[in-house]
Amino acid sequence: MESPFLVSKSSDDTPLDDETRKVLLARFIREDDELMDLLRSLRKLALPDWRLVSGAIYQTVWNRLTSRPAGHGIKDYDVAYFDAADRSFEAEDAVIRWLEESLPQWRGRIEVRNQARVHLWYPERFGGPYPELKNTDESLQNYMCTTHAVAVRLEPDDQISIAAPYGLADIFSLTIRPCRKLPSNRRHYAEKARRMVGLWPELKVLDWDTEEPVRPEYL
């Protein structure tokens, strides 16, 4: 049975606007007690330019759209922040340990990365260049899929701010579309797509080169 929340296209084939999707995304997050607990906890810690990014956000939407339980398929919760004052591994590691000590209930479930230093380690790990960033939101443009490129933050006034450089249409239409800004992402695209389809069979996967729908086993 199709979820009543599924945002597809209107009768004249014009895509619904992203403002509608943003309202729904914020609603889905607010109705997830665990996500809100994490966002409130992160707000108290006040990391510089922090965001909760990627999987925990778009996968929460997919679970609502496909009527699956909250948390289905979410392996971990990615937290990004930006601190150019100290780009050392040691400084980032200290932040990781501080979060684990401050949020013991989330230990082992949070992945924290300083976006100011990604360009220092990315080439060796993934075999391609990575641009030096100016802020956390800029990092979203370099994600593997447009669906991955979404991040939220609980602001001091309790508003949920949303960053999504490629919009939210693909998330709400259950579409895996490649973001080819970093060619090095290609080698992992098929693997990621197959894993996601295994958890959400309703997904439509687009070919890396042609962006035509393709069965994951043929990627």
N, C-alpha and C. Protein backbone atom coordinates (compact mmCIF):
# COMPACT_ATOMS: atom_id res chain seq x y z
N MET A 1 0.84 -1.20 0.00
CA MET A 1 0.00 0.00 0.00
C MET A 1 0.87 1.25 0.00
N GLU A 2 0.60 2.15 -0.93
CA GLU A 2 1.40 3.36 -1.05
C GLU A 2 1.15 4.30 0.12
N SER A 3 2.22 4.85 0.65
CA SER A 3 2.09 5.78 1.77
C SER A 3 1.32 7.02 1.34
N PRO A 4 0.43 7.51 2.20
CA PRO A 4 -0.30 8.75 1.88
C PRO A 4 0.61 9.98 1.87
N PHE A 5 1.85 9.82 2.38
CA PHE A 5 2.78 10.95 2.42
C PHE A 5 3.61 11.06 1.15
N LEU A 6 3.54 10.06 0.27
CA LEU A 6 4.40 10.06 -0.90
C LEU A 6 4.14 11.27 -1.77
N VAL A 7 5.20 12.04 -2.00
CA VAL A 7 5.11 13.23 -2.85
C VAL A 7 5.62 12.85 -4.22
N SER A 8 4.74 12.77 -5.19
CA SER A 8 5.18 12.43 -6.54
C SER A 8 4.99 13.64 -7.43
N LYS A 9 4.12 13.54 -8.41
CA LYS A 9 3.88 14.68 -9.29
C LYS A 9 2.41 15.00 -9.34
N SER A 10 2.13 16.26 -9.65
CA SER A 10 0.75 16.67 -9.74
C SER A 10 0.16 16.22 -11.07
N SER A 11 -1.13 16.45 -11.27
CA SER A 11 -1.83 15.92 -12.44
C SER A 11 -1.31 16.51 -13.74
N ASP A 12 -0.72 17.71 -13.70
CA ASP A 12 -0.20 18.29 -14.93
C ASP A 12 1.28 17.97 -15.12
N ASP A 13 1.79 16.97 -14.35
CA ASP A 13 3.16 16.48 -14.45
C ASP A 13 4.20 17.53 -14.05
N THR A 14 3.79 18.53 -13.28
CA THR A 14 4.71 19.53 -12.76
C THR A 14 5.15 19.10 -11.37
N PRO A 15 6.45 18.99 -11.11
CA PRO A 15 6.90 18.55 -9.79
C PRO A 15 6.39 19.48 -8.69
N LEU A 16 6.03 18.91 -7.57
CA LEU A 16 5.65 19.72 -6.42
C LEU A 16 6.88 20.47 -5.92
N ASP A 17 6.67 21.62 -5.32
CA ASP A 17 7.80 22.46 -4.94
C ASP A 17 8.49 21.93 -3.70
N ASP A 18 9.76 22.34 -3.55
CA ASP A 18 10.56 21.86 -2.43
C ASP A 18 10.09 22.41 -1.09
N GLU A 19 9.39 23.52 -1.08
CA GLU A 19 8.88 24.03 0.19
C GLU A 19 7.92 23.03 0.83
N THR A 20 7.09 22.40 0.00
CA THR A 20 6.18 21.37 0.51
C THR A 20 6.97 20.20 1.08
N ARG A 21 8.00 19.81 0.36
CA ARG A 21 8.83 18.70 0.84
C ARG A 21 9.57 19.06 2.12
N LYS A 22 10.03 20.30 2.23
CA LYS A 22 10.72 20.72 3.45
C LYS A 22 9.79 20.66 4.65
N VAL A 23 8.54 21.05 4.46
CA VAL A 23 7.56 20.99 5.55
C VAL A 23 7.38 19.54 5.98
N LEU A 24 7.25 18.64 5.00
CA LEU A 24 7.08 17.22 5.33
C LEU A 24 8.32 16.66 6.01
N LEU A 25 9.51 17.01 5.50
CA LEU A 25 10.74 16.51 6.11
C LEU A 25 10.85 16.95 7.56
N ALA A 26 10.59 18.22 7.82
CA ALA A 26 10.65 18.71 9.20
C ALA A 26 9.61 17.99 10.07
N ARG A 27 8.46 17.73 9.51
CA ARG A 27 7.40 17.03 10.25
C ARG A 27 7.84 15.62 10.60
N PHE A 28 8.41 14.90 9.62
CA PHE A 28 8.84 13.53 9.87
C PHE A 28 9.91 13.48 10.96
N ILE A 29 10.82 14.45 10.94
CA ILE A 29 11.87 14.50 11.95
C ILE A 29 11.28 14.77 13.33
N ARG A 30 10.39 15.72 13.41
CA ARG A 30 9.79 16.06 14.71
C ARG A 30 8.98 14.90 15.28
N GLU A 31 8.44 14.07 14.43
CA GLU A 31 7.64 12.94 14.90
C GLU A 31 8.49 11.72 15.23
N ASP A 32 9.80 11.84 15.06
CA ASP A 32 10.73 10.75 15.41
C ASP A 32 11.42 11.13 16.72
N ASP A 33 11.01 10.53 17.81
CA ASP A 33 11.52 10.90 19.13
C ASP A 33 13.03 10.72 19.24
N GLU A 34 13.56 9.66 18.65
CA GLU A 34 15.00 9.41 18.75
C GLU A 34 15.80 10.48 18.01
N LEU A 35 15.35 10.82 16.81
CA LEU A 35 16.04 11.86 16.05
C LEU A 35 16.02 13.19 16.79
N MET A 36 14.87 13.53 17.35
CA MET A 36 14.77 14.80 18.06
C MET A 36 15.64 14.80 19.31
N ASP A 37 15.74 13.66 19.99
CA ASP A 37 16.63 13.57 21.15
C ASP A 37 18.07 13.83 20.74
N LEU A 38 18.48 13.25 19.62
CA LEU A 38 19.84 13.46 19.14
C LEU A 38 20.06 14.93 18.74
N LEU A 39 19.12 15.52 18.04
CA LEU A 39 19.26 16.90 17.61
C LEU A 39 19.34 17.85 18.81
N ARG A 40 18.54 17.61 19.81
CA ARG A 40 18.61 18.46 21.02
C ARG A 40 19.95 18.29 21.73
N SER A 41 20.44 17.06 21.77
CA SER A 41 21.73 16.81 22.42
C SER A 41 22.86 17.48 21.66
N LEU A 42 22.83 17.42 20.34
CA LEU A 42 23.86 18.05 19.53
C LEU A 42 23.80 19.57 19.66
N ARG A 43 22.61 20.10 19.76
CA ARG A 43 22.48 21.55 19.92
C ARG A 43 23.13 22.01 21.22
N LYS A 44 22.97 21.24 22.28
CA LYS A 44 23.59 21.60 23.56
C LYS A 44 25.12 21.59 23.47
N LEU A 45 25.66 20.66 22.70
CA LEU A 45 27.12 20.57 22.58
C LEU A 45 27.69 21.69 21.72
N ALA A 46 26.88 22.21 20.80
CA ALA A 46 27.23 23.41 20.03
C ALA A 46 28.56 23.30 19.29
N LEU A 47 28.76 22.22 18.57
CA LEU A 47 29.92 22.14 17.69
C LEU A 47 29.83 23.25 16.64
N PRO A 48 30.96 23.76 16.17
CA PRO A 48 30.92 24.84 15.17
C PRO A 48 30.32 24.36 13.85
N ASP A 49 29.32 25.10 13.36
CA ASP A 49 28.70 24.84 12.06
C ASP A 49 28.29 23.37 11.91
N TRP A 50 27.62 22.84 12.91
CA TRP A 50 27.29 21.42 12.91
C TRP A 50 26.01 21.13 12.12
N ARG A 51 25.93 19.93 11.62
CA ARG A 51 24.75 19.40 10.95
C ARG A 51 24.65 17.90 11.19
N LEU A 52 23.43 17.40 11.29
CA LEU A 52 23.18 15.97 11.16
C LEU A 52 22.93 15.73 9.68
N VAL A 53 23.70 14.83 9.07
CA VAL A 53 23.70 14.74 7.61
C VAL A 53 23.32 13.35 7.11
N SER A 54 22.84 13.36 5.89
CA SER A 54 22.71 12.19 5.03
C SER A 54 21.77 11.09 5.53
N GLY A 55 22.30 9.88 5.76
CA GLY A 55 21.49 8.69 5.93
C GLY A 55 20.34 8.78 6.91
N ALA A 56 20.60 9.26 8.09
CA ALA A 56 19.54 9.32 9.10
C ALA A 56 18.40 10.25 8.68
N ILE A 57 18.69 11.16 7.74
CA ILE A 57 17.66 12.10 7.28
C ILE A 57 16.83 11.47 6.15
N TYR A 58 17.50 11.14 5.04
CA TYR A 58 16.72 10.64 3.91
C TYR A 58 16.12 9.27 4.18
N GLN A 59 16.78 8.47 5.00
CA GLN A 59 16.22 7.15 5.32
C GLN A 59 15.01 7.26 6.23
N THR A 60 14.97 8.28 7.06
CA THR A 60 13.77 8.52 7.86
C THR A 60 12.59 8.85 6.96
N VAL A 61 12.84 9.64 5.92
CA VAL A 61 11.78 9.94 4.94
C VAL A 61 11.33 8.67 4.25
N TRP A 62 12.27 7.87 3.77
CA TRP A 62 11.91 6.64 3.07
C TRP A 62 11.09 5.70 3.96
N ASN A 63 11.44 5.62 5.23
CA ASN A 63 10.68 4.74 6.13
C ASN A 63 9.25 5.23 6.28
N ARG A 64 9.06 6.54 6.33
CA ARG A 64 7.70 7.06 6.41
C ARG A 64 6.94 6.82 5.11
N LEU A 65 7.60 7.04 3.99
CA LEU A 65 6.92 6.88 2.69
C LEU A 65 6.57 5.43 2.40
N THR A 66 7.34 4.50 2.93
CA THR A 66 7.10 3.09 2.65
C THR A 66 6.49 2.36 3.85
N SER A 67 6.07 3.12 4.85
CA SER A 67 5.39 2.55 6.03
C SER A 67 6.25 1.54 6.79
N ARG A 68 7.55 1.82 6.86
CA ARG A 68 8.44 0.98 7.66
C ARG A 68 8.67 1.63 9.02
N PRO A 69 9.12 0.83 9.99
CA PRO A 69 9.31 1.39 11.34
C PRO A 69 10.45 2.40 11.38
N ALA A 70 10.37 3.33 12.31
CA ALA A 70 11.43 4.32 12.50
C ALA A 70 12.75 3.61 12.77
N GLY A 71 13.81 4.09 12.15
CA GLY A 71 15.13 3.52 12.36
C GLY A 71 15.48 2.38 11.43
N HIS A 72 14.53 1.89 10.65
CA HIS A 72 14.82 0.79 9.72
C HIS A 72 15.96 1.19 8.77
N GLY A 73 16.99 0.36 8.69
CA GLY A 73 18.07 0.56 7.74
C GLY A 73 19.11 1.59 8.13
N ILE A 74 18.90 2.31 9.23
CA ILE A 74 19.84 3.36 9.61
C ILE A 74 20.99 2.73 10.41
N LYS A 75 22.18 2.69 9.80
CA LYS A 75 23.34 2.06 10.45
C LYS A 75 23.95 2.96 11.51
N ASP A 76 24.04 4.25 11.18
CA ASP A 76 24.65 5.19 12.12
C ASP A 76 24.15 6.59 11.81
N TYR A 77 24.59 7.52 12.61
CA TYR A 77 24.14 8.91 12.50
C TYR A 77 25.37 9.79 12.25
N ASP A 78 25.41 10.38 11.07
CA ASP A 78 26.58 11.15 10.65
C ASP A 78 26.44 12.61 11.09
N VAL A 79 27.44 13.06 11.84
CA VAL A 79 27.47 14.44 12.32
C VAL A 79 28.66 15.14 11.67
N ALA A 80 28.39 16.24 11.00
CA ALA A 80 29.44 17.04 10.37
C ALA A 80 29.57 18.37 11.11
N TYR A 81 30.80 18.85 11.20
CA TYR A 81 31.02 20.18 11.75
C TYR A 81 32.18 20.80 10.98
N PHE A 82 32.45 22.07 11.23
CA PHE A 82 33.51 22.75 10.48
C PHE A 82 34.35 23.58 11.44
N ASP A 83 35.62 23.19 11.55
CA ASP A 83 36.56 23.92 12.41
C ASP A 83 37.89 24.02 11.68
N ALA A 84 38.09 25.16 11.00
CA ALA A 84 39.33 25.38 10.26
C ALA A 84 40.48 25.82 11.14
N ALA A 85 40.21 26.12 12.39
CA ALA A 85 41.27 26.58 13.30
C ALA A 85 42.26 25.48 13.62
N ASP A 86 41.79 24.24 13.61
CA ASP A 86 42.69 23.11 13.88
C ASP A 86 42.23 21.94 13.01
N ARG A 87 42.96 21.70 11.94
CA ARG A 87 42.60 20.64 10.99
C ARG A 87 43.31 19.32 11.29
N SER A 88 43.92 19.20 12.43
CA SER A 88 44.70 17.99 12.74
C SER A 88 43.79 16.81 13.06
N PHE A 89 44.33 15.62 12.81
CA PHE A 89 43.62 14.40 13.19
C PHE A 89 43.37 14.38 14.69
N GLU A 90 44.35 14.82 15.46
CA GLU A 90 44.25 14.79 16.92
C GLU A 90 43.08 15.64 17.42
N ALA A 91 42.88 16.81 16.80
CA ALA A 91 41.77 17.67 17.22
C ALA A 91 40.43 17.03 16.90
N GLU A 92 40.32 16.43 15.71
CA GLU A 92 39.07 15.75 15.34
C GLU A 92 38.81 14.56 16.26
N ASP A 93 39.86 13.80 16.55
CA ASP A 93 39.72 12.65 17.43
C ASP A 93 39.28 13.07 18.82
N ALA A 94 39.76 14.21 19.28
CA ALA A 94 39.34 14.71 20.59
C ALA A 94 37.85 15.04 20.59
N VAL A 95 37.36 15.59 19.48
CA VAL A 95 35.93 15.89 19.38
C VAL A 95 35.13 14.60 19.38
N ILE A 96 35.60 13.60 18.66
CA ILE A 96 34.91 12.30 18.62
C ILE A 96 34.80 11.72 20.03
N ARG A 97 35.90 11.74 20.76
CA ARG A 97 35.89 11.18 22.12
C ARG A 97 35.02 12.02 23.06
N TRP A 98 35.02 13.34 22.86
CA TRP A 98 34.18 14.22 23.68
C TRP A 98 32.70 13.92 23.46
N LEU A 99 32.29 13.71 22.20
CA LEU A 99 30.90 13.38 21.94
C LEU A 99 30.52 12.04 22.55
N GLU A 100 31.41 11.07 22.48
CA GLU A 100 31.12 9.76 23.06
C GLU A 100 30.93 9.86 24.57
N GLU A 101 31.75 10.70 25.20
CA GLU A 101 31.64 10.88 26.65
C GLU A 101 30.40 11.69 27.02
N SER A 102 30.07 12.67 26.18
CA SER A 102 28.94 13.56 26.47
C SER A 102 27.60 12.89 26.16
N LEU A 103 27.60 11.98 25.20
CA LEU A 103 26.37 11.32 24.77
C LEU A 103 26.54 9.80 24.86
N PRO A 104 26.67 9.26 26.05
CA PRO A 104 26.94 7.82 26.18
C PRO A 104 25.86 6.94 25.57
N GLN A 105 24.63 7.44 25.54
CA GLN A 105 23.54 6.65 24.96
C GLN A 105 23.67 6.49 23.45
N TRP A 106 24.51 7.33 22.84
CA TRP A 106 24.72 7.27 21.39
C TRP A 106 26.09 6.69 21.04
N ARG A 107 26.83 6.22 22.02
CA ARG A 107 28.17 5.71 21.76
C ARG A 107 28.11 4.55 20.75
N GLY A 108 28.99 4.61 19.76
CA GLY A 108 29.02 3.58 18.73
C GLY A 108 28.02 3.76 17.62
N ARG A 109 27.20 4.80 17.72
CA ARG A 109 26.15 5.01 16.71
C ARG A 109 26.34 6.33 15.97
N ILE A 110 27.30 7.14 16.40
CA ILE A 110 27.53 8.44 15.79
C ILE A 110 28.89 8.45 15.10
N GLU A 111 28.92 8.99 13.88
CA GLU A 111 30.18 9.22 13.16
C GLU A 111 30.36 10.71 13.01
N VAL A 112 31.46 11.24 13.53
CA VAL A 112 31.70 12.69 13.55
C VAL A 112 32.91 13.01 12.67
N ARG A 113 32.76 14.02 11.79
CA ARG A 113 33.86 14.40 10.92
C ARG A 113 33.93 15.93 10.78
N ASN A 114 35.16 16.44 10.87
CA ASN A 114 35.41 17.85 10.65
C ASN A 114 35.55 18.09 9.15
N GLN A 115 34.61 18.82 8.56
CA GLN A 115 34.61 19.02 7.12
C GLN A 115 35.78 19.92 6.66
N ALA A 116 36.40 20.62 7.58
CA ALA A 116 37.53 21.48 7.23
C ALA A 116 38.79 20.69 6.88
N ARG A 117 38.80 19.39 7.20
CA ARG A 117 40.01 18.60 6.94
C ARG A 117 39.78 17.43 5.99
N VAL A 118 38.61 17.31 5.38
CA VAL A 118 38.35 16.17 4.49
C VAL A 118 39.33 16.15 3.32
N HIS A 119 39.65 17.32 2.78
CA HIS A 119 40.56 17.36 1.63
C HIS A 119 41.95 16.84 1.95
N LEU A 120 42.28 16.73 3.23
CA LEU A 120 43.60 16.25 3.63
C LEU A 120 43.72 14.73 3.56
N TRP A 121 42.63 14.01 3.83
CA TRP A 121 42.71 12.56 3.86
C TRP A 121 41.96 11.87 2.72
N TYR A 122 41.06 12.58 2.06
CA TYR A 122 40.22 11.96 1.03
C TYR A 122 41.03 11.34 -0.12
N PRO A 123 42.01 12.04 -0.71
CA PRO A 123 42.72 11.46 -1.87
C PRO A 123 43.35 10.11 -1.60
N GLU A 124 43.98 9.95 -0.44
CA GLU A 124 44.62 8.68 -0.14
C GLU A 124 43.58 7.57 0.08
N ARG A 125 42.47 7.92 0.68
CA ARG A 125 41.46 6.90 0.99
C ARG A 125 40.60 6.53 -0.20
N PHE A 126 40.27 7.52 -1.05
CA PHE A 126 39.32 7.27 -2.13
C PHE A 126 39.91 7.45 -3.52
N GLY A 127 41.17 7.82 -3.62
CA GLY A 127 41.83 7.84 -4.92
C GLY A 127 41.45 8.97 -5.84
N GLY A 128 41.09 10.09 -5.29
CA GLY A 128 40.74 11.25 -6.12
C GLY A 128 40.81 12.52 -5.31
N PRO A 129 40.88 13.66 -5.98
CA PRO A 129 40.98 14.94 -5.26
C PRO A 129 39.67 15.32 -4.58
N TYR A 130 39.79 16.18 -3.60
CA TYR A 130 38.62 16.70 -2.89
C TYR A 130 38.86 18.18 -2.63
N PRO A 131 37.87 19.03 -2.91
CA PRO A 131 38.09 20.47 -2.74
C PRO A 131 38.17 20.89 -1.28
N GLU A 132 38.98 21.89 -1.00
CA GLU A 132 39.01 22.46 0.34
C GLU A 132 37.74 23.27 0.56
N LEU A 133 37.04 22.99 1.64
CA LEU A 133 35.72 23.57 1.87
C LEU A 133 35.78 24.84 2.70
N LYS A 134 34.70 25.61 2.60
CA LYS A 134 34.58 26.84 3.39
C LYS A 134 33.59 26.70 4.54
N ASN A 135 32.71 25.69 4.48
CA ASN A 135 31.71 25.47 5.52
C ASN A 135 31.15 24.07 5.39
N THR A 136 30.34 23.69 6.34
CA THR A 136 29.77 22.34 6.34
C THR A 136 28.80 22.13 5.19
N ASP A 137 27.93 23.08 4.94
CA ASP A 137 26.92 22.89 3.89
C ASP A 137 27.54 22.68 2.52
N GLU A 138 28.69 23.28 2.28
CA GLU A 138 29.36 23.12 0.99
C GLU A 138 29.72 21.65 0.74
N SER A 139 29.95 20.90 1.79
CA SER A 139 30.34 19.50 1.64
C SER A 139 29.25 18.66 0.98
N LEU A 140 28.01 19.07 1.12
CA LEU A 140 26.89 18.28 0.60
C LEU A 140 26.95 18.14 -0.91
N GLN A 141 27.55 19.11 -1.61
CA GLN A 141 27.63 19.05 -3.06
C GLN A 141 28.49 17.89 -3.55
N ASN A 142 29.32 17.34 -2.67
CA ASN A 142 30.28 16.31 -3.06
C ASN A 142 29.83 14.90 -2.72
N TYR A 143 28.61 14.74 -2.26
CA TYR A 143 28.14 13.42 -1.88
C TYR A 143 27.90 12.56 -3.12
N MET A 144 27.80 11.27 -2.92
CA MET A 144 27.70 10.32 -4.02
C MET A 144 26.38 10.40 -4.78
N CYS A 145 25.30 10.62 -4.04
CA CYS A 145 23.97 10.68 -4.65
C CYS A 145 23.28 11.97 -4.23
N THR A 146 22.36 12.43 -5.05
CA THR A 146 21.60 13.61 -4.67
C THR A 146 20.79 13.36 -3.41
N THR A 147 20.37 12.11 -3.21
CA THR A 147 19.61 11.78 -2.01
C THR A 147 20.45 11.90 -0.75
N HIS A 148 21.75 11.64 -0.86
CA HIS A 148 22.64 11.74 0.30
C HIS A 148 22.83 13.19 0.74
N ALA A 149 22.66 14.10 -0.19
CA ALA A 149 23.04 15.50 0.03
C ALA A 149 21.94 16.28 0.75
N VAL A 150 21.71 15.91 1.99
CA VAL A 150 20.71 16.60 2.80
C VAL A 150 21.21 16.64 4.24
N ALA A 151 20.96 17.75 4.92
CA ALA A 151 21.44 17.91 6.30
C ALA A 151 20.48 18.80 7.06
N VAL A 152 20.41 18.58 8.36
CA VAL A 152 19.51 19.40 9.19
C VAL A 152 20.22 19.83 10.46
N ARG A 153 19.67 20.87 11.08
CA ARG A 153 20.16 21.34 12.38
C ARG A 153 18.98 21.89 13.16
N LEU A 154 18.95 21.62 14.44
CA LEU A 154 17.93 22.19 15.31
C LEU A 154 18.47 23.52 15.81
N GLU A 155 17.82 24.60 15.39
CA GLU A 155 18.31 25.93 15.70
C GLU A 155 17.90 26.37 17.11
N PRO A 156 18.51 27.42 17.63
CA PRO A 156 18.18 27.88 18.98
C PRO A 156 16.70 28.20 19.19
N ASP A 157 16.01 28.60 18.11
CA ASP A 157 14.59 28.92 18.23
C ASP A 157 13.70 27.71 17.98
N ASP A 158 14.30 26.51 17.94
CA ASP A 158 13.62 25.24 17.73
C ASP A 158 13.17 25.00 16.30
N GLN A 159 13.53 25.86 15.39
CA GLN A 159 13.27 25.60 13.99
C GLN A 159 14.26 24.54 13.48
N ILE A 160 13.82 23.73 12.55
CA ILE A 160 14.70 22.76 11.91
C ILE A 160 15.15 23.35 10.58
N SER A 161 16.42 23.74 10.49
CA SER A 161 16.93 24.27 9.24
C SER A 161 17.40 23.11 8.37
N ILE A 162 17.19 23.23 7.08
CA ILE A 162 17.46 22.15 6.14
C ILE A 162 18.39 22.66 5.04
N ALA A 163 19.46 21.92 4.79
CA ALA A 163 20.35 22.20 3.67
C ALA A 163 20.26 21.05 2.68
N ALA A 164 19.97 21.36 1.42
CA ALA A 164 19.82 20.33 0.39
C ALA A 164 20.14 20.95 -0.96
N PRO A 165 21.41 21.00 -1.36
CA PRO A 165 21.80 21.69 -2.59
C PRO A 165 21.16 21.14 -3.86
N TYR A 166 20.75 19.88 -3.85
CA TYR A 166 20.12 19.29 -5.02
C TYR A 166 18.61 19.15 -4.84
N GLY A 167 18.10 19.79 -3.81
CA GLY A 167 16.67 19.71 -3.57
C GLY A 167 16.27 18.41 -2.89
N LEU A 168 14.97 18.24 -2.73
CA LEU A 168 14.44 17.07 -2.03
C LEU A 168 13.58 16.17 -2.92
N ALA A 169 13.48 16.52 -4.19
CA ALA A 169 12.60 15.77 -5.09
C ALA A 169 12.99 14.30 -5.17
N ASP A 170 14.30 14.01 -5.32
CA ASP A 170 14.71 12.61 -5.45
C ASP A 170 14.46 11.82 -4.18
N ILE A 171 14.64 12.45 -3.03
CA ILE A 171 14.37 11.75 -1.77
C ILE A 171 12.89 11.35 -1.70
N PHE A 172 12.02 12.29 -2.03
CA PHE A 172 10.59 12.03 -1.89
C PHE A 172 10.02 11.19 -3.03
N SER A 173 10.74 11.06 -4.12
CA SER A 173 10.29 10.17 -5.20
C SER A 173 11.03 8.84 -5.16
N LEU A 174 11.77 8.58 -4.06
CA LEU A 174 12.46 7.31 -3.84
C LEU A 174 13.42 7.00 -4.98
N THR A 175 14.21 7.98 -5.36
CA THR A 175 15.12 7.86 -6.50
C THR A 175 16.58 7.98 -6.08
N ILE A 176 17.41 7.05 -6.56
CA ILE A 176 18.85 7.11 -6.35
C ILE A 176 19.47 7.67 -7.63
N ARG A 177 19.92 8.92 -7.57
CA ARG A 177 20.50 9.58 -8.73
C ARG A 177 21.96 9.94 -8.42
N PRO A 178 22.89 9.61 -9.33
CA PRO A 178 24.30 9.90 -9.04
C PRO A 178 24.58 11.39 -9.04
N CYS A 179 25.50 11.77 -8.16
CA CYS A 179 26.05 13.12 -8.18
C CYS A 179 27.50 12.95 -8.65
N ARG A 180 27.80 13.41 -9.85
CA ARG A 180 29.08 13.08 -10.48
C ARG A 180 30.15 14.15 -10.27
N LYS A 181 29.96 15.01 -9.29
CA LYS A 181 30.96 16.06 -9.07
C LYS A 181 32.32 15.48 -8.74
N LEU A 182 32.34 14.38 -7.97
CA LEU A 182 33.60 13.70 -7.65
C LEU A 182 33.63 12.37 -8.40
N PRO A 183 34.42 12.24 -9.48
CA PRO A 183 34.47 10.99 -10.24
C PRO A 183 34.82 9.78 -9.38
N SER A 184 35.57 10.00 -8.30
CA SER A 184 35.97 8.88 -7.45
C SER A 184 34.79 8.21 -6.76
N ASN A 185 33.63 8.90 -6.73
CA ASN A 185 32.44 8.29 -6.12
C ASN A 185 31.90 7.13 -6.95
N ARG A 186 32.25 7.09 -8.24
CA ARG A 186 31.66 6.10 -9.14
C ARG A 186 31.91 4.67 -8.66
N ARG A 187 33.10 4.38 -8.16
CA ARG A 187 33.45 3.00 -7.83
C ARG A 187 32.58 2.43 -6.72
N HIS A 188 31.98 3.29 -5.89
CA HIS A 188 31.16 2.80 -4.78
C HIS A 188 29.66 2.96 -5.02
N TYR A 189 29.30 3.58 -6.13
CA TYR A 189 27.89 3.89 -6.39
C TYR A 189 27.02 2.64 -6.46
N ALA A 190 27.46 1.64 -7.24
CA ALA A 190 26.67 0.42 -7.41
C ALA A 190 26.50 -0.32 -6.09
N GLU A 191 27.58 -0.40 -5.33
CA GLU A 191 27.53 -1.09 -4.02
C GLU A 191 26.52 -0.42 -3.09
N LYS A 192 26.56 0.91 -3.02
CA LYS A 192 25.63 1.64 -2.16
C LYS A 192 24.20 1.44 -2.64
N ALA A 193 24.00 1.51 -3.95
CA ALA A 193 22.65 1.38 -4.50
C ALA A 193 22.07 0.00 -4.19
N ARG A 194 22.88 -1.04 -4.35
CA ARG A 194 22.39 -2.39 -4.07
C ARG A 194 22.01 -2.55 -2.61
N ARG A 195 22.81 -1.97 -1.72
CA ARG A 195 22.48 -2.07 -0.30
C ARG A 195 21.16 -1.37 0.00
N MET A 196 20.95 -0.20 -0.57
CA MET A 196 19.73 0.55 -0.29
C MET A 196 18.50 -0.13 -0.86
N VAL A 197 18.62 -0.69 -2.07
CA VAL A 197 17.47 -1.39 -2.65
C VAL A 197 17.14 -2.63 -1.84
N GLY A 198 18.15 -3.26 -1.26
CA GLY A 198 17.88 -4.42 -0.41
C GLY A 198 17.03 -4.07 0.80
N LEU A 199 17.15 -2.83 1.26
CA LEU A 199 16.39 -2.38 2.43
C LEU A 199 15.09 -1.69 2.04
N TRP A 200 15.11 -1.02 0.88
CA TRP A 200 13.91 -0.33 0.39
C TRP A 200 13.71 -0.73 -1.07
N PRO A 201 13.06 -1.86 -1.33
CA PRO A 201 12.91 -2.37 -2.71
C PRO A 201 12.13 -1.43 -3.63
N GLU A 202 11.43 -0.48 -3.06
CA GLU A 202 10.65 0.46 -3.88
C GLU A 202 11.51 1.48 -4.61
N LEU A 203 12.78 1.56 -4.27
CA LEU A 203 13.65 2.60 -4.83
C LEU A 203 13.86 2.41 -6.33
N LYS A 204 14.01 3.55 -7.01
CA LYS A 204 14.38 3.56 -8.42
C LYS A 204 15.84 4.01 -8.50
N VAL A 205 16.69 3.17 -9.09
CA VAL A 205 18.10 3.47 -9.21
C VAL A 205 18.41 3.92 -10.63
N LEU A 206 19.13 5.03 -10.76
CA LEU A 206 19.51 5.55 -12.07
C LEU A 206 20.97 5.23 -12.36
N ASP A 207 21.24 4.86 -13.61
CA ASP A 207 22.59 4.52 -14.04
C ASP A 207 23.54 5.71 -13.87
N TRP A 208 24.77 5.44 -13.48
CA TRP A 208 25.75 6.50 -13.23
C TRP A 208 25.97 7.36 -14.47
N ASP A 209 26.05 6.75 -15.65
CA ASP A 209 26.38 7.49 -16.87
C ASP A 209 25.15 8.09 -17.54
N THR A 210 24.10 7.29 -17.68
CA THR A 210 22.94 7.71 -18.48
C THR A 210 21.80 8.29 -17.66
N GLU A 211 21.78 8.01 -16.37
CA GLU A 211 20.68 8.36 -15.48
C GLU A 211 19.36 7.74 -15.92
N GLU A 212 19.46 6.64 -16.64
CA GLU A 212 18.28 5.83 -16.97
C GLU A 212 18.05 4.83 -15.85
N PRO A 213 16.78 4.50 -15.56
CA PRO A 213 16.52 3.49 -14.51
C PRO A 213 17.19 2.16 -14.85
N VAL A 214 17.76 1.54 -13.85
CA VAL A 214 18.47 0.28 -14.06
C VAL A 214 18.27 -0.62 -12.86
N ARG A 215 18.22 -1.91 -13.09
CA ARG A 215 18.15 -2.85 -11.98
C ARG A 215 19.50 -2.89 -11.27
N PRO A 216 19.51 -2.85 -9.96
CA PRO A 216 20.78 -2.75 -9.22
C PRO A 216 21.78 -3.85 -9.54
N GLU A 217 21.28 -5.05 -9.85
CA GLU A 217 22.22 -6.14 -10.14
C GLU A 217 22.97 -5.94 -11.45
N TYR A 218 22.51 -4.99 -12.27
CA TYR A 218 23.17 -4.72 -13.54
C TYR A 218 24.01 -3.44 -13.49
N LEU A 219 24.14 -2.85 -12.32
CA LEU A 219 24.95 -1.62 -12.21
C LEU A 219 26.43 -1.93 -12.45
